[in-house]
Protein backbone atom coordinates (compact mmCIF):
# COMPACT_ATOMS: atom_id res chain seq x y z
CA MET A 1 -74.65 -31.80 33.84
CA THR A 2 -71.54 -32.86 31.98
CA ASN A 3 -68.01 -32.11 33.01
CA ARG A 4 -66.30 -29.94 30.49
CA THR A 5 -62.59 -29.51 30.49
CA ARG A 6 -61.54 -25.94 29.84
CA ARG A 7 -58.27 -25.28 28.17
CA ALA A 8 -56.13 -22.53 29.55
CA PRO A 9 -55.55 -19.75 27.06
CA VAL A 10 -52.35 -20.23 25.16
CA GLU A 11 -50.22 -17.30 24.13
CA PRO A 12 -49.21 -17.24 20.46
CA LYS A 13 -45.65 -18.03 19.49
CA PRO A 14 -43.59 -15.20 17.97
CA GLY A 15 -44.54 -14.84 14.29
CA ALA A 16 -47.71 -16.88 14.63
CA TRP A 17 -50.93 -15.51 13.14
CA LEU A 18 -54.17 -15.37 15.08
CA ALA A 19 -57.28 -17.29 14.07
CA PRO A 20 -59.58 -15.08 11.93
CA ASP A 21 -62.18 -14.51 14.64
CA ASP A 22 -59.49 -13.63 17.20
CA PHE A 23 -57.83 -11.32 14.69
CA ALA A 24 -61.09 -9.61 13.81
CA HIS A 25 -61.67 -9.00 17.51
CA VAL A 26 -58.21 -7.40 17.91
CA VAL A 27 -58.56 -5.22 14.80
CA ARG A 28 -62.00 -4.04 15.87
CA LEU A 29 -60.79 -3.05 19.36
CA THR A 30 -57.10 -2.06 19.22
CA PRO A 31 -54.40 -0.57 16.99
CA LEU A 32 -52.01 -2.96 15.35
CA VAL A 33 -48.25 -2.36 15.36
CA ALA A 34 -46.47 -2.72 12.05
CA ILE A 35 -43.18 -2.09 10.30
CA ASP A 36 -43.06 -0.46 6.87
CA LEU A 37 -39.97 -0.83 4.70
CA ILE A 38 -39.00 2.17 2.65
CA VAL A 39 -36.53 0.46 0.31
CA ARG A 40 -34.30 2.73 -1.77
CA ARG A 41 -32.00 1.79 -4.59
CA PRO A 42 -28.65 3.63 -4.88
CA ASP A 43 -30.24 5.93 -7.55
CA GLY A 44 -32.86 7.02 -4.90
CA ARG A 45 -35.86 5.19 -6.39
CA VAL A 46 -38.30 3.71 -3.89
CA LEU A 47 -39.84 0.25 -4.07
CA VAL A 48 -43.65 0.03 -4.09
CA GLY A 49 -45.95 -2.89 -4.73
CA ARG A 50 -49.61 -2.95 -5.74
CA ARG A 51 -51.50 -4.37 -2.69
CA LYS A 52 -53.55 -7.55 -3.18
CA HIS A 53 -55.42 -7.33 0.12
CA GLU A 54 -57.33 -4.86 2.30
CA PRO A 55 -56.70 -2.41 3.72
CA ALA A 56 -55.49 -0.26 0.85
CA ARG A 57 -56.14 -3.01 -1.74
CA GLY A 58 -55.19 -1.95 -5.28
CA THR A 59 -52.92 0.95 -4.31
CA TRP A 60 -49.17 1.18 -4.52
CA PHE A 61 -47.66 0.81 -1.11
CA VAL A 62 -44.27 0.19 0.42
CA PRO A 63 -43.65 -3.37 1.72
CA GLY A 64 -44.29 -4.12 5.33
CA GLY A 65 -46.45 -5.91 7.81
CA ARG A 66 -47.60 -6.50 11.35
CA ILE A 67 -45.48 -7.36 14.35
CA THR A 68 -46.98 -10.42 16.02
CA LYS A 69 -47.56 -11.08 19.74
CA ASN A 70 -44.32 -12.02 21.54
CA GLU A 71 -42.21 -11.12 18.48
CA THR A 72 -39.39 -8.62 19.02
CA MET A 73 -39.00 -5.72 16.57
CA ALA A 74 -35.69 -7.18 15.37
CA ALA A 75 -37.25 -10.65 14.78
CA ALA A 76 -40.26 -9.01 13.03
CA PHE A 77 -37.94 -6.99 10.84
CA ARG A 78 -36.04 -10.15 9.76
CA ARG A 79 -39.31 -12.03 9.10
CA LEU A 80 -40.87 -9.12 7.16
CA THR A 81 -37.84 -8.56 5.00
CA ARG A 82 -37.76 -12.25 4.20
CA GLU A 83 -41.49 -12.41 3.48
CA GLU A 84 -41.81 -9.06 1.67
CA LEU A 85 -38.40 -8.68 -0.02
CA GLY A 86 -37.33 -12.31 -0.50
CA ALA A 87 -34.18 -12.00 1.70
CA GLU A 88 -33.65 -11.50 5.41
CA HIS A 89 -32.09 -8.26 6.55
CA GLN A 90 -31.13 -6.96 10.03
CA ILE A 91 -32.86 -4.01 11.62
CA ALA A 92 -29.41 -2.56 12.42
CA ARG A 93 -28.88 -1.98 8.66
CA ALA A 94 -31.94 0.24 8.48
CA ARG A 95 -32.54 3.88 9.42
CA PHE A 96 -35.54 4.50 11.63
CA LEU A 97 -37.71 7.29 10.09
CA GLY A 98 -40.29 7.52 12.85
CA ALA A 99 -43.67 6.29 14.04
CA TYR A 100 -46.76 6.94 11.89
CA GLU A 101 -50.50 6.43 12.36
CA HIS A 102 -52.47 4.82 9.56
CA PHE A 103 -56.29 4.72 9.66
CA TYR A 104 -58.32 2.68 7.16
CA ARG A 105 -62.06 2.27 6.73
CA THR A 106 -61.57 -1.42 5.77
CA ASN A 107 -59.95 -4.45 7.35
CA ARG A 108 -57.94 -7.43 6.13
CA LEU A 109 -60.87 -9.80 6.65
CA ARG A 110 -63.29 -7.60 4.68
CA ARG A 111 -65.74 -7.66 7.57
CA PRO A 112 -68.25 -4.83 7.74
CA GLY A 113 -68.56 -2.40 10.63
CA PHE A 114 -64.93 -1.62 11.51
CA GLY A 115 -61.69 -0.36 9.99
CA THR A 116 -58.07 -0.78 10.82
CA HIS A 117 -55.77 1.40 12.91
CA TYR A 118 -52.00 0.91 12.64
CA ILE A 119 -49.13 2.36 14.56
CA THR A 120 -46.42 1.91 11.96
CA LEU A 121 -42.67 2.14 12.43
CA GLY A 122 -41.02 3.36 9.25
CA TYR A 123 -37.54 1.99 8.42
CA GLU A 124 -35.46 2.95 5.41
CA LEU A 125 -33.19 0.32 3.74
CA LYS A 126 -30.74 0.92 0.87
CA LEU A 127 -30.94 -2.12 -1.38
CA SER A 128 -30.97 -3.13 -5.03
CA LEU A 129 -33.51 -5.88 -5.60
CA PRO A 130 -34.59 -7.37 -8.94
CA ASN A 131 -38.38 -7.30 -9.35
CA ALA A 132 -38.35 -10.92 -10.53
CA THR A 133 -37.28 -12.21 -7.14
CA LEU A 134 -39.82 -10.22 -5.04
CA PRO A 135 -42.52 -12.32 -3.33
CA GLN A 136 -46.05 -12.14 -4.72
CA ALA A 137 -48.02 -12.98 -1.56
CA GLN A 138 -48.93 -9.36 -0.70
CA HIS A 139 -48.29 -7.46 -3.93
CA ASP A 140 -49.14 -8.52 -7.46
CA GLU A 141 -46.64 -6.19 -9.17
CA TYR A 142 -43.79 -3.94 -8.16
CA ALA A 143 -42.31 -0.65 -9.35
CA TRP A 144 -39.34 1.51 -8.52
CA MET A 145 -40.42 5.17 -8.46
CA THR A 146 -38.46 8.31 -8.00
CA PRO A 147 -39.74 10.34 -5.02
CA ALA A 148 -41.27 12.84 -7.46
CA GLN A 149 -43.08 10.12 -9.37
CA LEU A 150 -44.33 8.56 -6.18
CA LEU A 151 -45.60 11.86 -4.81
CA ARG A 152 -47.46 12.70 -8.05
CA ALA A 153 -49.01 9.31 -8.75
CA PRO A 154 -52.75 9.24 -7.81
CA ASP A 155 -52.69 5.49 -7.08
CA VAL A 156 -49.84 5.61 -4.52
CA HIS A 157 -51.48 5.47 -1.13
CA ALA A 158 -51.27 8.66 0.97
CA ASN A 159 -49.61 6.78 3.83
CA THR A 160 -46.76 5.78 1.53
CA LYS A 161 -46.41 9.40 0.29
CA ARG A 162 -46.10 10.53 3.98
CA TYR A 163 -42.75 8.71 4.28
CA LEU A 164 -41.37 10.65 1.35
CA ARG A 165 -42.87 14.00 2.29
CA ARG A 166 -41.34 13.75 5.75
CA LYS A 167 -37.90 13.03 4.33
CA THR A 168 -38.26 15.86 1.73
CA ASN A 169 -39.29 18.30 4.45
CA GLN A 170 -36.39 17.24 6.72
CA SER A 171 -33.95 17.71 3.83
CA ARG A 172 -35.27 21.19 3.09
CA ARG A 173 -34.96 22.18 6.77
CA ALA A 174 -31.43 20.87 6.88
CA GLY A 175 -30.53 22.83 3.76
CA GLY A 176 -30.23 19.64 1.59
């Protein structure tokens, strides 16, 4: 029998991605926690990008992404705004819209047999961003849509529409 040295498990550093097999195991067994960025221009239009990856590939979706192990929400927000919007922003500048559940039949790795479950924290930011400076890693094109356009468009994902429906319903209840 040979002596094998076992390595102690190492916790990921904040912002570090898991190896694909580890990530698949997590996605198959647990919900992921994410932040979605509902970015509004001063004229009220909302930023959406056409997703390049599963889940929700090919649909218009707000920017956002996962919070990693050992990463604070504030650090994740800064990282996600940098990665998804091209400039870092502070979570204190955003308005928390609430927690949402997103269920998908597919997963990022395109592996059969399991979908993805997210607990997503929606944050609204008021910004003007030129489309030319927006990163292309997650979205292959971007659009600024009015809430009415976004809610009518068949290729805007239902989970993105939920952010706008909730705000519209809150405005109606408040008399706005």
